[in-house]
Amino acid sequence: MPKLVPPHGSEAIKPLLVSEAARTEGIERAKTLAKVPLTSREVSDIFMLGMGAYTPLAGFMGKDAWHGVCADMKLANGIFWPIPITLSTTQDLADQISIGEEIALCDDQSGEVLAIMSVGEKYTIDKEFECSNVYRTTDAAHPGVQKVLEQGVVNLGGPVSVLSEGEYPEKYADLYLRPEQSRALFIEKGWSRVAAFQTRNPMHRSHEYLAKIAVEVTDGVFIHQVLGALKPGDIPADVRTRAIQAMIDNYFRKETVIQAGYPIEMRYAGPREALLHALIRQNFGCSHLIVGRDHAGVGDYYGPFDAHHIFDELWEGALVTRALKIDITFYCKKCYGMATAKTCPHDPQYHVSISGTQQREMLMNDADIPPEFSRPEVVAILKEYYASL
């Protein structure tokens, strides 16, 4: 039997989604409880807790855990964790809630009750401290910083019982794999070394090249895409899924790639988020995370290889899943193929730089996309989508 990496900080995955019977009872009980609305980020965190992707967390962090994660990337018990998972609310609502009280956590958009929380703490935080440590900036133009600054003034900490996974299991039936399911699938395939590829975009030639490098050195690649809230202008998950599958079907050997999705909302925290992505993939059973240029970055807040370097700063035993660090990739007209800055000896004038932003701009302008940039089967699906807008 193949031996997968262990869950993070635990002997077993810890999904917080309750049983069907307990769910029915919990929904009834929630009708009598104070209701706390959740932002889209907090909704995403509920779903991640529910499926066990945030193992070993039992709920939203208390103040000691929040401070330790921001300052030293450690929970109160010393376990590695790089980004706070917190729930905030208004002062007025917090004043109506007592320590030890159960509350119902509701999606602010749909009103659906997603979880019941036992309130263990009420506390305030230094938002600038969190932003400067986690995001390396306090600039409100940074989307992750903006979310923190917009939080309520009081954080609530305590364990949660998750009652719903939202629309994900039904809407993304072929993609939605929980950690226990992905682990079972890897074992079924005989994989023990699995590289995860994180994406919120359709895969162009650089992405394809990264995945193929990983296939060469592992048993298989887990293309794991973001199904949670995206930035304006991003391509919807259903279109992205078809485009990625077209690439897999036409340009990868069978049984070397699995495509799946998960309900995280990006924080764009650059290096710290790269660590979180690796931790999450450890829970999914992946031994490696592909980390390319400016992983989980936004704008010019992070250097192109900051997400590479941060893995070297971890202490022994912090994280089992490793970074598969790959240099900037491009198509070289003189090599007649994909290459990286480590492998190509030719002058940059021969390099075709490839990025998702460029691809979106070309698609929006109905420009021709050369085969050096993206596969024609992928381009056809994306052009069809943009023509429908």
Protein backbone atom coordinates (compact mmCIF):
# COMPACT_ATOMS: atom_id res chain seq x y z
CA MET A 1 0.00 0.00 0.00
CA PRO A 2 1.36 3.46 -0.86
CA LYS A 3 2.15 5.62 2.16
CA LEU A 4 0.87 9.18 1.95
CA VAL A 5 2.07 12.16 3.94
CA PRO A 6 0.22 12.38 7.29
CA PRO A 7 -2.47 15.00 7.94
CA HIS A 8 -1.07 18.24 9.34
CA GLY A 9 -0.68 18.20 13.11
CA SER A 10 -2.92 15.17 13.54
CA GLU A 11 -3.05 11.41 13.10
CA ALA A 12 -6.28 11.67 11.08
CA ILE A 13 -8.24 14.18 9.02
CA LYS A 14 -10.68 16.10 11.22
CA PRO A 15 -13.73 17.13 9.18
CA LEU A 16 -16.11 19.29 11.21
CA LEU A 17 -19.17 18.54 9.05
CA VAL A 18 -21.66 16.71 11.27
CA SER A 19 -23.68 13.64 10.29
CA GLU A 20 -26.95 13.95 8.38
CA ALA A 21 -29.00 13.24 11.51
CA ALA A 22 -27.04 15.76 13.56
CA ARG A 23 -27.41 18.27 10.72
CA THR A 24 -31.21 18.11 10.85
CA GLU A 25 -31.18 18.52 14.62
CA GLY A 26 -28.63 21.36 14.39
CA ILE A 27 -30.68 23.31 11.85
CA GLU A 28 -33.68 23.12 14.17
CA ARG A 29 -31.59 24.16 17.18
CA ALA A 30 -30.12 27.07 15.24
CA LYS A 31 -33.58 28.64 14.97
CA THR A 32 -33.39 29.45 18.68
CA LEU A 33 -29.84 30.86 18.61
CA ALA A 34 -28.40 34.32 18.02
CA LYS A 35 -27.37 34.64 14.38
CA VAL A 36 -24.00 36.00 13.28
CA PRO A 37 -23.58 36.86 9.57
CA LEU A 38 -20.46 35.67 7.76
CA THR A 39 -18.42 37.40 5.07
CA SER A 40 -17.57 35.43 1.92
CA ARG A 41 -14.10 34.69 3.35
CA GLU A 42 -15.59 33.35 6.58
CA VAL A 43 -18.09 31.26 4.60
CA SER A 44 -15.18 29.76 2.68
CA ASP A 45 -13.38 29.02 5.94
CA ILE A 46 -16.48 27.24 7.28
CA PHE A 47 -16.50 24.97 4.23
CA MET A 48 -12.77 24.31 4.56
CA LEU A 49 -13.23 23.42 8.23
CA GLY A 50 -16.21 21.24 7.35
CA MET A 51 -14.33 19.12 4.80
CA GLY A 52 -11.27 18.73 7.04
CA ALA A 53 -8.94 20.80 4.84
CA TYR A 54 -8.00 22.91 7.89
CA THR A 55 -7.07 19.90 10.06
CA PRO A 56 -6.25 20.11 12.99
CA LEU A 57 -8.33 23.26 13.65
CA ALA A 58 -11.55 22.75 15.62
CA GLY A 59 -13.01 26.13 14.75
CA PHE A 60 -12.18 29.83 14.62
CA MET A 61 -9.04 30.95 16.42
CA GLY A 62 -8.89 32.57 19.84
CA LYS A 63 -6.63 35.50 20.64
CA ASP A 64 -3.50 33.55 21.60
CA ALA A 65 -3.70 31.48 18.42
CA TRP A 66 -4.37 34.60 16.33
CA HIS A 67 -1.35 36.40 17.81
CA GLY A 68 0.94 33.38 17.54
CA VAL A 69 0.00 32.77 13.91
CA CYS A 70 0.57 36.41 12.97
CA ALA A 71 3.84 36.76 14.87
CA ASP A 72 5.50 33.34 14.61
CA MET A 73 3.29 31.16 12.37
CA LYS A 74 2.45 28.97 15.37
CA LEU A 75 -0.82 28.05 17.06
CA ALA A 76 -1.06 28.32 20.84
CA ASN A 77 0.06 24.65 21.09
CA GLY A 78 3.10 25.27 18.87
CA ILE A 79 1.74 23.62 15.70
CA PHE A 80 2.68 25.45 12.50
CA TRP A 81 -0.03 27.62 10.93
CA PRO A 82 0.73 30.60 8.62
CA ILE A 83 -2.51 32.62 8.28
CA PRO A 84 -5.19 33.45 10.89
CA ILE A 85 -8.58 31.76 10.51
CA THR A 86 -10.86 34.15 12.38
CA LEU A 87 -14.47 35.24 12.69
CA SER A 88 -15.39 38.87 13.35
CA THR A 89 -18.56 40.72 14.21
CA THR A 90 -19.79 44.14 15.30
CA GLN A 91 -19.41 45.45 18.83
CA ASP A 92 -23.21 45.63 19.24
CA LEU A 93 -23.71 42.00 18.27
CA ALA A 94 -20.73 40.83 20.33
CA ASP A 95 -22.17 42.59 23.40
CA GLN A 96 -25.32 40.47 23.08
CA ILE A 97 -23.35 37.20 23.07
CA SER A 98 -22.06 35.53 26.23
CA ILE A 99 -19.00 33.31 26.64
CA GLY A 100 -20.16 29.68 26.51
CA GLU A 101 -23.22 30.57 24.40
CA GLU A 102 -23.99 28.76 21.16
CA ILE A 103 -24.55 30.93 18.08
CA ALA A 104 -25.70 30.22 14.53
CA LEU A 105 -23.29 31.25 11.77
CA CYS A 106 -25.12 32.36 8.62
CA ASP A 107 -24.11 33.18 5.07
CA ASP A 108 -24.65 36.94 4.84
CA GLN A 109 -25.75 36.61 1.20
CA SER A 110 -28.14 33.63 1.26
CA GLY A 111 -29.08 33.64 4.94
CA GLU A 112 -28.40 29.89 5.16
CA VAL A 113 -27.27 28.62 8.55
CA LEU A 114 -23.89 26.99 7.90
CA ALA A 115 -22.62 26.14 11.37
CA ILE A 116 -23.15 26.32 15.10
CA MET A 117 -20.35 27.76 17.20
CA SER A 118 -19.72 27.54 20.93
CA VAL A 119 -18.24 30.93 21.83
CA GLY A 120 -15.09 30.51 23.89
CA GLU A 121 -13.61 33.98 23.45
CA LYS A 122 -14.45 37.54 22.49
CA TYR A 123 -11.46 39.71 21.70
CA THR A 124 -10.20 42.67 19.71
CA ILE A 125 -7.16 42.62 17.45
CA ASP A 126 -4.56 44.99 16.07
CA LYS A 127 -5.45 44.89 12.37
CA GLU A 128 -2.27 46.65 11.29
CA PHE A 129 -0.21 44.07 13.19
CA GLU A 130 -2.01 41.26 11.36
CA CYS A 131 -1.63 42.89 7.96
CA SER A 132 2.02 43.84 8.33
CA ASN A 133 2.94 40.32 9.47
CA VAL A 134 0.71 38.21 7.22
CA TYR A 135 0.52 40.37 4.07
CA ARG A 136 3.79 42.33 4.51
CA THR A 137 1.83 45.53 3.85
CA THR A 138 -0.91 47.67 5.40
CA ASP A 139 -1.91 49.14 2.04
CA ALA A 140 -5.72 49.08 1.83
CA ALA A 141 -5.45 48.57 -1.94
CA HIS A 142 -4.22 45.03 -1.29
CA PRO A 143 -7.35 42.81 -1.49
CA GLY A 144 -6.37 40.69 1.52
CA VAL A 145 -5.55 43.72 3.64
CA GLN A 146 -8.82 45.33 2.60
CA LYS A 147 -10.73 42.31 3.92
CA VAL A 148 -8.97 42.52 7.29
CA LEU A 149 -9.56 46.27 7.60
CA GLU A 150 -13.25 45.76 6.81
CA GLN A 151 -13.69 43.13 9.54
CA GLY A 152 -15.88 43.80 12.55
CA VAL A 153 -14.13 45.16 15.63
CA VAL A 154 -14.60 42.00 17.74
CA ASN A 155 -13.38 38.48 16.96
CA LEU A 156 -15.20 35.41 18.23
CA GLY A 157 -13.22 32.26 18.89
CA GLY A 158 -14.40 28.74 19.54
CA PRO A 159 -15.19 25.31 18.10
CA VAL A 160 -17.74 24.91 15.31
CA SER A 161 -20.05 22.16 14.09
CA VAL A 162 -20.56 22.57 10.35
CA LEU A 163 -24.08 21.95 9.04
CA SER A 164 -23.70 22.65 5.33
CA GLU A 165 -21.22 22.57 2.46
CA GLY A 166 -23.29 25.02 0.46
CA GLU A 167 -23.77 24.41 -3.24
CA TYR A 168 -20.33 22.89 -3.84
CA PRO A 169 -21.07 19.14 -3.67
CA GLU A 170 -23.96 19.48 -6.12
CA LYS A 171 -22.69 22.25 -8.40
CA TYR A 172 -19.21 20.72 -8.72
CA ALA A 173 -20.07 17.05 -8.32
CA ASP A 174 -17.21 15.86 -10.54
CA LEU A 175 -14.62 18.15 -8.94
CA TYR A 176 -15.46 18.43 -5.26
CA LEU A 177 -13.12 16.06 -3.44
CA ARG A 178 -12.74 16.18 0.33
CA PRO A 179 -9.32 15.31 1.82
CA GLU A 180 -10.43 11.82 2.84
CA GLN A 181 -11.63 11.21 -0.73
CA SER A 182 -8.47 12.48 -2.44
CA ARG A 183 -6.36 10.34 -0.11
CA ALA A 184 -8.41 7.27 -0.96
CA LEU A 185 -8.08 8.04 -4.67
CA PHE A 186 -4.30 8.42 -4.47
CA ILE A 187 -4.02 5.09 -2.63
CA GLU A 188 -6.29 3.43 -5.20
CA LYS A 189 -3.97 4.67 -7.97
CA GLY A 190 -0.88 3.55 -6.09
CA TRP A 191 0.43 7.10 -5.72
CA SER A 192 2.53 8.08 -2.70
CA ARG A 193 4.39 11.10 -4.12
CA VAL A 194 1.76 13.56 -5.34
CA ALA A 195 2.37 17.13 -6.50
CA ALA A 196 -0.47 19.64 -6.13
CA PHE A 197 -0.90 22.46 -8.63
CA GLN A 198 -2.93 25.40 -7.34
CA THR A 199 -4.81 27.48 -9.92
CA ARG A 200 -7.59 29.99 -10.23
CA ASN A 201 -7.05 30.38 -13.99
CA PRO A 202 -7.30 28.19 -17.08
CA MET A 203 -3.91 26.57 -17.67
CA HIS A 204 -1.69 28.04 -20.38
CA ARG A 205 1.58 26.57 -21.66
CA SER A 206 3.64 27.69 -18.65
CA HIS A 207 1.18 26.01 -16.27
CA GLU A 208 1.23 22.87 -18.41
CA TYR A 209 5.03 22.85 -18.31
CA LEU A 210 5.08 23.17 -14.52
CA ALA A 211 2.71 20.22 -14.20
CA LYS A 212 4.77 18.11 -16.61
CA ILE A 213 7.97 18.76 -14.66
CA ALA A 214 6.09 17.53 -11.57
CA VAL A 215 4.86 14.41 -13.39
CA GLU A 216 8.50 13.53 -14.14
CA VAL A 217 9.50 13.48 -10.46
CA THR A 218 6.31 12.27 -8.71
CA ASP A 219 3.65 9.61 -9.23
CA GLY A 220 1.05 12.12 -10.42
CA VAL A 221 -0.23 15.69 -10.33
CA PHE A 222 -3.31 16.92 -8.50
CA ILE A 223 -4.58 19.99 -10.40
CA HIS A 224 -6.49 21.62 -7.58
CA GLN A 225 -8.41 24.69 -8.52
CA VAL A 226 -10.06 27.45 -6.51
CA LEU A 227 -13.85 27.20 -6.46
CA GLY A 228 -14.37 29.99 -3.90
CA ALA A 229 -14.80 33.71 -4.56
CA LEU A 230 -12.40 35.10 -7.18
CA LYS A 231 -11.28 38.53 -8.32
CA PRO A 232 -13.46 40.50 -10.79
CA GLY A 233 -12.68 39.40 -14.34
CA ASP A 234 -11.58 35.89 -13.43
CA ILE A 235 -12.96 33.08 -15.58
CA PRO A 236 -15.78 31.06 -13.93
CA ALA A 237 -14.93 27.63 -12.56
CA ASP A 238 -17.15 25.69 -14.98
CA VAL A 239 -15.43 27.25 -18.03
CA ARG A 240 -12.00 26.86 -16.46
CA THR A 241 -12.73 23.20 -15.70
CA ARG A 242 -13.59 22.40 -19.32
CA ALA A 243 -10.49 24.22 -20.56
CA ILE A 244 -8.20 22.40 -18.13
CA GLN A 245 -9.77 19.05 -19.00
CA ALA A 246 -9.20 19.72 -22.72
CA MET A 247 -5.53 20.28 -21.97
CA ILE A 248 -5.31 17.12 -19.84
CA ASP A 249 -7.09 14.98 -22.44
CA ASN A 250 -4.91 16.15 -25.32
CA TYR A 251 -1.48 16.80 -23.82
CA PHE A 252 -0.95 14.50 -20.80
CA ARG A 253 -0.57 10.75 -20.57
CA LYS A 254 -3.61 9.11 -19.04
CA GLU A 255 -3.53 8.33 -15.33
CA THR A 256 -0.93 10.99 -14.55
CA VAL A 257 -3.26 13.87 -13.64
CA ILE A 258 -6.35 14.33 -11.46
CA GLN A 259 -8.39 17.52 -11.71
CA ALA A 260 -10.32 18.63 -8.61
CA GLY A 261 -11.50 21.76 -6.84
CA TYR A 262 -11.94 23.10 -3.33
CA PRO A 263 -13.92 25.96 -1.76
CA ILE A 264 -11.15 28.29 -0.58
CA GLU A 265 -11.30 32.04 -1.11
CA MET A 266 -7.94 33.50 -2.06
CA ARG A 267 -6.35 35.95 0.37
CA TYR A 268 -3.50 36.91 -2.02
CA ALA A 269 -1.04 36.75 0.87
CA GLY A 270 1.87 35.69 -1.34
CA PRO A 271 4.54 33.78 0.65
CA ARG A 272 2.34 33.12 3.69
CA GLU A 273 -0.45 31.85 1.46
CA ALA A 274 1.96 29.55 -0.36
CA LEU A 275 2.63 27.95 3.03
CA LEU A 276 -1.10 27.66 3.72
CA HIS A 277 -1.62 26.05 0.31
CA ALA A 278 1.09 23.50 1.11
CA LEU A 279 -0.42 22.77 4.54
CA ILE A 280 -3.85 22.26 3.00
CA ARG A 281 -2.40 19.95 0.31
CA GLN A 282 -0.70 17.93 3.03
CA ASN A 283 -4.19 17.29 4.40
CA PHE A 284 -5.32 16.26 0.91
CA GLY A 285 -2.44 13.75 0.79
CA CYS A 286 0.02 15.62 -1.45
CA SER A 287 3.74 15.36 -0.78
CA HIS A 288 4.60 18.44 -2.85
CA LEU A 289 3.15 21.78 -3.89
CA ILE A 290 4.28 23.27 -7.20
CA VAL A 291 5.45 26.81 -6.45
CA GLY A 292 6.22 28.92 -9.47
CA ARG A 293 6.63 32.64 -9.94
CA ASP A 294 4.80 34.95 -7.47
CA HIS A 295 2.64 32.20 -6.00
CA ALA A 296 -0.63 33.63 -4.56
CA GLY A 297 0.63 37.15 -5.12
CA VAL A 298 -1.14 40.23 -6.37
CA GLY A 299 0.21 43.41 -7.93
CA ASP A 300 3.85 44.03 -7.03
CA TYR A 301 3.59 43.45 -3.28
CA TYR A 302 5.89 40.40 -3.38
CA GLY A 303 9.06 39.48 -5.19
CA PRO A 304 8.79 36.76 -7.85
CA PHE A 305 10.50 34.17 -5.62
CA ASP A 306 9.44 35.26 -2.13
CA ALA A 307 7.13 32.23 -1.99
CA HIS A 308 10.16 30.01 -2.70
CA HIS A 309 12.31 31.53 0.01
CA ILE A 310 9.75 31.35 2.81
CA PHE A 311 9.81 27.54 2.79
CA ASP A 312 13.50 27.74 3.71
CA GLU A 313 12.61 29.76 6.83
CA LEU A 314 10.50 26.99 8.41
CA TRP A 315 11.75 25.06 11.41
CA GLU A 316 12.28 21.29 11.31
CA GLY A 317 8.99 19.42 11.40
CA ALA A 318 6.80 22.46 10.74
CA LEU A 319 5.43 21.03 7.49
CA VAL A 320 5.82 17.66 5.78
CA THR A 321 4.65 18.70 2.30
CA ARG A 322 7.51 20.29 0.39
CA ALA A 323 7.68 23.05 -2.20
CA LEU A 324 8.56 21.95 -5.73
CA LYS A 325 10.24 25.23 -6.65
CA ILE A 326 10.35 26.04 -10.35
CA ASP A 327 11.91 29.09 -12.00
CA ILE A 328 10.15 31.50 -14.36
CA THR A 329 8.88 29.59 -17.40
CA PHE A 330 8.49 30.77 -20.98
CA TYR A 331 8.49 29.58 -24.59
CA CYS A 332 11.90 29.97 -26.23
CA LYS A 333 11.84 30.48 -29.98
CA LYS A 334 15.42 29.29 -30.24
CA CYS A 335 14.90 26.19 -28.06
CA TYR A 336 11.64 25.55 -29.97
CA GLY A 337 9.90 24.70 -26.71
CA MET A 338 9.12 25.55 -23.11
CA ALA A 339 12.04 26.35 -20.83
CA THR A 340 12.96 28.08 -17.59
CA ALA A 341 15.60 30.64 -16.67
CA LYS A 342 17.62 27.72 -15.25
CA THR A 343 17.62 25.68 -18.46
CA CYS A 344 17.54 28.14 -21.37
CA PRO A 345 20.85 29.79 -22.43
CA HIS A 346 19.33 32.15 -25.00
CA ASP A 347 18.84 35.89 -24.98
CA PRO A 348 15.46 37.14 -23.63
CA GLN A 349 14.60 38.46 -27.10
CA TYR A 350 13.76 34.84 -27.98
CA HIS A 351 11.49 34.33 -24.98
CA VAL A 352 7.69 34.45 -25.17
CA SER A 353 6.57 35.46 -21.68
CA ILE A 354 3.27 33.84 -20.70
CA SER A 355 0.79 34.98 -18.03
CA GLY A 356 -2.87 34.59 -17.20
CA THR A 357 -3.31 38.37 -17.25
CA GLN A 358 -1.96 38.59 -20.80
CA GLN A 359 -4.19 35.72 -21.87
CA ARG A 360 -7.30 37.41 -20.44
CA GLU A 361 -6.42 40.65 -22.24
CA MET A 362 -5.98 38.85 -25.56
CA LEU A 363 -9.27 37.00 -25.09
CA MET A 364 -11.17 40.17 -24.18
CA ASN A 365 -9.80 41.86 -27.32
CA ASP A 366 -10.52 38.80 -29.49
CA ALA A 367 -6.85 38.69 -30.43
CA ASP A 368 -5.17 35.64 -31.91
CA ILE A 369 -3.46 33.55 -29.25
CA PRO A 370 -0.38 31.78 -30.63
CA PRO A 371 0.18 28.07 -29.93
CA GLU A 372 3.37 29.00 -28.04
CA PHE A 373 1.10 30.70 -25.51
CA SER A 374 -1.87 28.35 -25.12
CA ARG A 375 -3.14 25.11 -26.64
CA PRO A 376 -5.72 25.55 -29.45
CA GLU A 377 -8.25 23.23 -27.75
CA VAL A 378 -8.06 25.42 -24.64
CA VAL A 379 -8.27 28.66 -26.62
CA ALA A 380 -11.42 27.49 -28.44
CA ILE A 381 -13.27 26.96 -25.14
CA LEU A 382 -12.14 30.31 -23.74
CA LYS A 383 -13.01 32.22 -26.92
CA GLU A 384 -16.49 30.68 -26.84
CA TYR A 385 -16.94 31.97 -23.29
CA TYR A 386 -15.72 35.48 -24.05
CA ALA A 387 -17.92 35.65 -27.16
CA SER A 388 -20.94 35.00 -24.93
CA LEU A 389 -20.26 37.98 -22.62
